[in-house]
Amino acid sequence: MRSQRAMSAILAGAAGMATVFIAVAMVMLASSQSTATPAIAQKTSQPCAKCHSAPPTLNDYGKKYKDSEKK
């Protein structure tokens, strides 16, 4: 009886760890790499929020700035 409880606890712990591992792996795989750098904010003396609504997504101002830098 005691060994069954211990085994159940071990299996529950292993299942919990597997769930955490899978969740972390999914977040890492779904994340995209950002190319924004603090150097741009320092160069322009503007806060990051000037170009980003929700980093790394650019807002309209950020898109215009990015396009102007390509020229």
PDB file of N, CA and C in Angstrom:
ATOM      1  N   MET A   1       0.820  -1.194   0.000  1.00  0.00           N
ATOM      2  CA  MET A   1       0.000   0.000   0.000  1.00  0.00           C
ATOM      3  C   MET A   1       0.865   1.260   0.000  1.00  0.00           C
ATOM      4  N   ARG A   2       1.876   1.240   0.855  1.00  0.00           N
ATOM      5  CA  ARG A   2       2.748   2.390   0.954  1.00  0.00           C
ATOM      6  C   ARG A   2       3.528   2.607  -0.338  1.00  0.00           C
ATOM      7  N   SER A   3       3.977   1.538  -0.958  1.00  0.00           N
ATOM      8  CA  SER A   3       4.747   1.662  -2.198  1.00  0.00           C
ATOM      9  C   SER A   3       3.877   2.158  -3.353  1.00  0.00           C
ATOM     10  N   GLN A   4       2.585   1.817  -3.315  1.00  0.00           N
ATOM     11  CA  GLN A   4       1.680   2.326  -4.348  1.00  0.00           C
ATOM     12  C   GLN A   4       1.528   3.846  -4.235  1.00  0.00           C
ATOM     13  N   ARG A   5       1.425   4.359  -3.020  1.00  0.00           N
ATOM     14  CA  ARG A   5       1.322   5.805  -2.810  1.00  0.00           C
ATOM     15  C   ARG A   5       2.599   6.500  -3.261  1.00  0.00           C
ATOM     16  N   ALA A   6       3.712   5.911  -2.930  1.00  0.00           N
ATOM     17  CA  ALA A   6       4.994   6.499  -3.329  1.00  0.00           C
ATOM     18  C   ALA A   6       5.122   6.519  -4.849  1.00  0.00           C
ATOM     19  N   MET A   7       4.727   5.411  -5.466  1.00  0.00           N
ATOM     20  CA  MET A   7       4.799   5.333  -6.926  1.00  0.00           C
ATOM     21  C   MET A   7       3.850   6.347  -7.561  1.00  0.00           C
ATOM     22  N   SER A   8       2.658   6.512  -6.996  1.00  0.00           N
ATOM     23  CA  SER A   8       1.699   7.492  -7.509  1.00  0.00           C
ATOM     24  C   SER A   8       2.258   8.906  -7.384  1.00  0.00           C
ATOM     25  N   ALA A   9       2.916   9.189  -6.267  1.00  0.00           N
ATOM     26  CA  ALA A   9       3.509  10.513  -6.065  1.00  0.00           C
ATOM     27  C   ALA A   9       4.628  10.757  -7.065  1.00  0.00           C
ATOM     28  N   ILE A  10       5.434   9.749  -7.304  1.00  0.00           N
ATOM     29  CA  ILE A  10       6.540   9.877  -8.268  1.00  0.00           C
ATOM     30  C   ILE A  10       5.993  10.111  -9.672  1.00  0.00           C
ATOM     31  N   LEU A  11       4.979   9.343 -10.041  1.00  0.00           N
ATOM     32  CA  LEU A  11       4.387   9.510 -11.373  1.00  0.00           C
ATOM     33  C   LEU A  11       3.722  10.868 -11.522  1.00  0.00           C
ATOM     34  N   ALA A  12       3.065  11.352 -10.492  1.00  0.00           N
ATOM     35  CA  ALA A  12       2.432  12.671 -10.550  1.00  0.00           C
ATOM     36  C   ALA A  12       3.493  13.758 -10.695  1.00  0.00           C
ATOM     37  N   GLY A  13       4.595  13.611  -9.980  1.00  0.00           N
ATOM     38  CA  GLY A  13       5.690  14.571 -10.094  1.00  0.00           C
ATOM     39  C   GLY A  13       6.307  14.557 -11.486  1.00  0.00           C
ATOM     40  N   ALA A  14       6.483  13.369 -12.030  1.00  0.00           N
ATOM     41  CA  ALA A  14       7.045  13.242 -13.374  1.00  0.00           C
ATOM     42  C   ALA A  14       6.109  13.851 -14.414  1.00  0.00           C
ATOM     43  N   ALA A  15       4.819  13.647 -14.253  1.00  0.00           N
ATOM     44  CA  ALA A  15       3.849  14.222 -15.193  1.00  0.00           C
ATOM     45  C   ALA A  15       3.869  15.738 -15.104  1.00  0.00           C
ATOM     46  N   GLY A  16       3.995  16.267 -13.902  1.00  0.00           N
ATOM     47  CA  GLY A  16       4.074  17.717 -13.722  1.00  0.00           C
ATOM     48  C   GLY A  16       5.323  18.289 -14.374  1.00  0.00           C
ATOM     49  N   MET A  17       6.443  17.619 -14.195  1.00  0.00           N
ATOM     50  CA  MET A  17       7.700  18.075 -14.807  1.00  0.00           C
ATOM     51  C   MET A  17       7.613  18.018 -16.327  1.00  0.00           C
ATOM     52  N   ALA A  18       6.997  16.979 -16.849  1.00  0.00           N
ATOM     53  CA  ALA A  18       6.838  16.859 -18.302  1.00  0.00           C
ATOM     54  C   ALA A  18       5.969  17.989 -18.833  1.00  0.00           C
ATOM     55  N   THR A  19       4.927  18.339 -18.101  1.00  0.00           N
ATOM     56  CA  THR A  19       4.053  19.430 -18.515  1.00  0.00           C
ATOM     57  C   THR A  19       4.817  20.748 -18.550  1.00  0.00           C
ATOM     58  N   VAL A  20       5.611  21.002 -17.526  1.00  0.00           N
ATOM     59  CA  VAL A  20       6.416  22.229 -17.484  1.00  0.00           C
ATOM     60  C   VAL A  20       7.411  22.241 -18.643  1.00  0.00           C
ATOM     61  N   PHE A  21       8.074  21.135 -18.885  1.00  0.00           N
ATOM     62  CA  PHE A  21       9.046  21.039 -19.971  1.00  0.00           C
ATOM     63  C   PHE A  21       8.388  21.333 -21.324  1.00  0.00           C
ATOM     64  N   ILE A  22       7.242  20.744 -21.551  1.00  0.00           N
ATOM     65  CA  ILE A  22       6.531  20.955 -22.819  1.00  0.00           C
ATOM     66  C   ILE A  22       6.109  22.412 -22.961  1.00  0.00           C
ATOM     67  N   ALA A  23       5.617  23.013 -21.883  1.00  0.00           N
ATOM     68  CA  ALA A  23       5.198  24.417 -21.936  1.00  0.00           C
ATOM     69  C   ALA A  23       6.377  25.335 -22.247  1.00  0.00           C
ATOM     70  N   VAL A  24       7.510  25.099 -21.608  1.00  0.00           N
ATOM     71  CA  VAL A  24       8.704  25.912 -21.867  1.00  0.00           C
ATOM     72  C   VAL A  24       9.174  25.725 -23.313  1.00  0.00           C
ATOM     73  N   ALA A  25       9.175  24.499 -23.786  1.00  0.00           N
ATOM     74  CA  ALA A  25       9.593  24.229 -25.168  1.00  0.00           C
ATOM     75  C   ALA A  25       8.679  24.932 -26.167  1.00  0.00           C
ATOM     76  N   MET A  26       7.378  24.936 -25.898  1.00  0.00           N
ATOM     77  CA  MET A  26       6.436  25.592 -26.812  1.00  0.00           C
ATOM     78  C   MET A  26       6.669  27.107 -26.853  1.00  0.00           C
ATOM     79  N   VAL A  27       6.917  27.701 -25.700  1.00  0.00           N
ATOM     80  CA  VAL A  27       7.172  29.139 -25.655  1.00  0.00           C
ATOM     81  C   VAL A  27       8.456  29.471 -26.405  1.00  0.00           C
ATOM     82  N   MET A  28       9.484  28.670 -26.212  1.00  0.00           N
ATOM     83  CA  MET A  28      10.755  28.931 -26.888  1.00  0.00           C
ATOM     84  C   MET A  28      10.627  28.775 -28.401  1.00  0.00           C
ATOM     85  N   LEU A  29       9.878  27.798 -28.851  1.00  0.00           N
ATOM     86  CA  LEU A  29       9.722  27.576 -30.281  1.00  0.00           C
ATOM     87  C   LEU A  29       8.819  28.626 -30.925  1.00  0.00           C
ATOM     88  N   ALA A  30       7.847  29.124 -30.182  1.00  0.00           N
ATOM     89  CA  ALA A  30       6.905  30.105 -30.727  1.00  0.00           C
ATOM     90  C   ALA A  30       7.474  31.520 -30.727  1.00  0.00           C
ATOM     91  N   SER A  31       8.478  31.771 -29.908  1.00  0.00           N
ATOM     92  CA  SER A  31       9.049  33.112 -29.826  1.00  0.00           C
ATOM     93  C   SER A  31       9.861  33.419 -31.073  1.00  0.00           C
ATOM     94  N   SER A  32       9.740  34.640 -31.530  1.00  0.00           N
ATOM     95  CA  SER A  32      10.559  35.064 -32.663  1.00  0.00           C
ATOM     96  C   SER A  32      11.663  35.976 -32.157  1.00  0.00           C
ATOM     97  N   GLN A  33      12.757  35.963 -32.856  1.00  0.00           N
ATOM     98  CA  GLN A  33      13.891  36.768 -32.445  1.00  0.00           C
ATOM     99  C   GLN A  33      13.647  38.224 -32.821  1.00  0.00           C
ATOM    100  N   SER A  34      13.930  39.091 -31.903  1.00  0.00           N
ATOM    101  CA  SER A  34      13.754  40.516 -32.138  1.00  0.00           C
ATOM    102  C   SER A  34      15.048  41.113 -32.685  1.00  0.00           C
ATOM    103  N   THR A  35      14.917  42.084 -33.584  1.00  0.00           N
ATOM    104  CA  THR A  35      16.097  42.758 -34.098  1.00  0.00           C
ATOM    105  C   THR A  35      16.212  44.166 -33.527  1.00  0.00           C
ATOM    106  N   ALA A  36      15.286  44.540 -32.650  1.00  0.00           N
ATOM    107  CA  ALA A  36      15.347  45.848 -32.016  1.00  0.00           C
ATOM    108  C   ALA A  36      16.492  45.875 -31.021  1.00  0.00           C
ATOM    109  N   THR A  37      17.129  47.016 -30.920  1.00  0.00           N
ATOM    110  CA  THR A  37      18.223  47.153 -29.976  1.00  0.00           C
ATOM    111  C   THR A  37      18.079  48.461 -29.210  1.00  0.00           C
ATOM    112  N   PRO A  38      18.573  48.496 -27.978  1.00  0.00           N
ATOM    113  CA  PRO A  38      18.547  49.742 -27.226  1.00  0.00           C
ATOM    114  C   PRO A  38      19.371  50.843 -27.908  1.00  0.00           C
ATOM    115  N   ALA A  39      20.305  50.442 -28.777  1.00  0.00           N
ATOM    116  CA  ALA A  39      21.142  51.431 -29.464  1.00  0.00           C
ATOM    117  C   ALA A  39      20.298  52.370 -30.325  1.00  0.00           C
ATOM    118  N   ILE A  40      19.223  51.863 -30.900  1.00  0.00           N
ATOM    119  CA  ILE A  40      18.352  52.718 -31.720  1.00  0.00           C
ATOM    120  C   ILE A  40      17.680  53.759 -30.829  1.00  0.00           C
ATOM    121  N   ALA A  41      17.219  53.352 -29.654  1.00  0.00           N
ATOM    122  CA  ALA A  41      16.604  54.299 -28.724  1.00  0.00           C
ATOM    123  C   ALA A  41      17.627  55.332 -28.270  1.00  0.00           C
ATOM    124  N   GLN A  42      18.856  54.912 -28.035  1.00  0.00           N
ATOM    125  CA  GLN A  42      19.899  55.853 -27.628  1.00  0.00           C
ATOM    126  C   GLN A  42      20.250  56.798 -28.773  1.00  0.00           C
ATOM    127  N   LYS A  43      20.322  56.266 -29.977  1.00  0.00           N
ATOM    128  CA  LYS A  43      20.662  57.076 -31.150  1.00  0.00           C
ATOM    129  C   LYS A  43      19.625  58.159 -31.404  1.00  0.00           C
ATOM    130  N   THR A  44      18.355  57.822 -31.218  1.00  0.00           N
ATOM    131  CA  THR A  44      17.279  58.765 -31.516  1.00  0.00           C
ATOM    132  C   THR A  44      16.800  59.540 -30.289  1.00  0.00           C
ATOM    133  N   SER A  45      17.298  59.177 -29.104  1.00  0.00           N
ATOM    134  CA  SER A  45      16.870  59.787 -27.834  1.00  0.00           C
ATOM    135  C   SER A  45      15.362  59.641 -27.621  1.00  0.00           C
ATOM    136  N   GLN A  46      14.810  58.554 -28.133  1.00  0.00           N
ATOM    137  CA  GLN A  46      13.375  58.281 -27.993  1.00  0.00           C
ATOM    138  C   GLN A  46      13.196  57.002 -27.180  1.00  0.00           C
ATOM    139  N   PRO A  47      12.099  56.899 -26.438  1.00  0.00           N
ATOM    140  CA  PRO A  47      11.832  55.641 -25.728  1.00  0.00           C
ATOM    141  C   PRO A  47      11.441  54.546 -26.721  1.00  0.00           C
ATOM    142  N   CYS A  48      11.604  53.311 -26.328  1.00  0.00           N
ATOM    143  CA  CYS A  48      11.257  52.179 -27.195  1.00  0.00           C
ATOM    144  C   CYS A  48       9.789  52.249 -27.635  1.00  0.00           C
ATOM    145  N   ALA A  49       8.930  52.751 -26.744  1.00  0.00           N
ATOM    146  CA  ALA A  49       7.500  52.827 -27.046  1.00  0.00           C
ATOM    147  C   ALA A  49       7.189  53.792 -28.186  1.00  0.00           C
ATOM    148  N   LYS A  50       8.140  54.616 -28.581  1.00  0.00           N
ATOM    149  CA  LYS A  50       7.917  55.512 -29.718  1.00  0.00           C
ATOM    150  C   LYS A  50       7.697  54.699 -31.000  1.00  0.00           C
ATOM    151  N   CYS A  51       8.429  53.601 -31.155  1.00  0.00           N
ATOM    152  CA  CYS A  51       8.348  52.777 -32.367  1.00  0.00           C
ATOM    153  C   CYS A  51       7.601  51.459 -32.150  1.00  0.00           C
ATOM    154  N   HIS A  52       7.486  51.014 -30.898  1.00  0.00           N
ATOM    155  CA  HIS A  52       6.896  49.703 -30.608  1.00  0.00           C
ATOM    156  C   HIS A  52       5.623  49.849 -29.794  1.00  0.00           C
ATOM    157  N   SER A  53       4.571  49.200 -30.267  1.00  0.00           N
ATOM    158  CA  SER A  53       3.338  49.164 -29.474  1.00  0.00           C
ATOM    159  C   SER A  53       3.394  47.993 -28.498  1.00  0.00           C
ATOM    160  N   ALA A  54       3.884  46.872 -28.948  1.00  0.00           N
ATOM    161  CA  ALA A  54       4.105  45.681 -28.119  1.00  0.00           C
ATOM    162  C   ALA A  54       5.338  44.993 -28.684  1.00  0.00           C
ATOM    163  N   PRO A  55       6.538  45.315 -28.139  1.00  0.00           N
ATOM    164  CA  PRO A  55       7.777  44.769 -28.693  1.00  0.00           C
ATOM    165  C   PRO A  55       7.680  43.277 -28.954  1.00  0.00           C
ATOM    166  N   PRO A  56       8.167  42.797 -30.060  1.00  0.00           N
ATOM    167  CA  PRO A  56       8.953  43.460 -31.085  1.00  0.00           C
ATOM    168  C   PRO A  56       8.121  44.064 -32.212  1.00  0.00           C
ATOM    169  N   THR A  57       6.807  44.133 -32.070  1.00  0.00           N
ATOM    170  CA  THR A  57       5.947  44.648 -33.129  1.00  0.00           C
ATOM    171  C   THR A  57       6.109  46.155 -33.274  1.00  0.00           C
ATOM    172  N   LEU A  58       6.341  46.601 -34.499  1.00  0.00           N
ATOM    173  CA  LEU A  58       6.465  48.030 -34.762  1.00  0.00           C
ATOM    174  C   LEU A  58       5.098  48.663 -34.961  1.00  0.00           C
ATOM    175  N   ASN A  59       4.947  49.894 -34.475  1.00  0.00           N
ATOM    176  CA  ASN A  59       3.741  50.649 -34.779  1.00  0.00           C
ATOM    177  C   ASN A  59       3.988  51.410 -36.086  1.00  0.00           C
ATOM    178  N   ASP A  60       3.062  52.249 -36.516  1.00  0.00           N
ATOM    179  CA  ASP A  60       3.212  52.964 -37.791  1.00  0.00           C
ATOM    180  C   ASP A  60       4.466  53.837 -37.813  1.00  0.00           C
ATOM    181  N   TYR A  61       4.728  54.538 -36.711  1.00  0.00           N
ATOM    182  CA  TYR A  61       5.921  55.384 -36.639  1.00  0.00           C
ATOM    183  C   TYR A  61       7.190  54.534 -36.792  1.00  0.00           C
ATOM    184  N   GLY A  62       7.227  53.404 -36.111  1.00  0.00           N
ATOM    185  CA  GLY A  62       8.394  52.519 -36.190  1.00  0.00           C
ATOM    186  C   GLY A  62       8.602  51.967 -37.585  1.00  0.00           C
ATOM    187  N   LYS A  63       7.514  51.635 -38.275  1.00  0.00           N
ATOM    188  CA  LYS A  63       7.625  51.138 -39.654  1.00  0.00           C
ATOM    189  C   LYS A  63       8.192  52.210 -40.574  1.00  0.00           C
ATOM    190  N   LYS A  64       7.723  53.451 -40.397  1.00  0.00           N
ATOM    191  CA  LYS A  64       8.242  54.554 -41.217  1.00  0.00           C
ATOM    192  C   LYS A  64       9.720  54.784 -40.937  1.00  0.00           C
ATOM    193  N   TYR A  65      10.108  54.733 -39.667  1.00  0.00           N
ATOM    194  CA  TYR A  65      11.516  54.919 -39.314  1.00  0.00           C
ATOM    195  C   TYR A  65      12.372  53.810 -39.915  1.00  0.00           C
ATOM    196  N   LYS A  66      11.907  52.582 -39.825  1.00  0.00           N
ATOM    197  CA  LYS A  66      12.646  51.443 -40.374  1.00  0.00           C
ATOM    198  C   LYS A  66      12.817  51.596 -41.879  1.00  0.00           C
ATOM    199  N   ASP A  67      11.741  51.980 -42.573  1.00  0.00           N
ATOM    200  CA  ASP A  67      11.815  52.178 -44.020  1.00  0.00           C
ATOM    201  C   ASP A  67      12.778  53.310 -44.380  1.00  0.00           C
ATOM    202  N   SER A  68      12.821  54.364 -43.576  1.00  0.00           N
ATOM    203  CA  SER A  68      13.711  55.496 -43.865  1.00  0.00           C
ATOM    204  C   SER A  68      15.169  55.112 -43.651  1.00  0.00           C
ATOM    205  N   GLU A  69      15.434  54.174 -42.747  1.00  0.00           N
ATOM    206  CA  GLU A  69      16.804  53.723 -42.483  1.00  0.00           C
ATOM    207  C   GLU A  69      17.348  52.864 -43.623  1.00  0.00           C
ATOM    208  N   LYS A  70      16.468  52.210 -44.380  1.00  0.00           N
ATOM    209  CA  LYS A  70      16.895  51.350 -45.485  1.00  0.00           C
ATOM    210  C   LYS A  70      17.425  52.151 -46.664  1.00  0.00           C
ATOM    211  N   LYS A  71      16.994  53.389 -46.777  1.00  0.00           N
ATOM    212  CA  LYS A  71      17.370  54.197 -47.937  1.00  0.00           C
ATOM    213  C   LYS A  71      18.770  54.724 -47.829  1.00  0.00           C
TER     214      LYS A  71
END
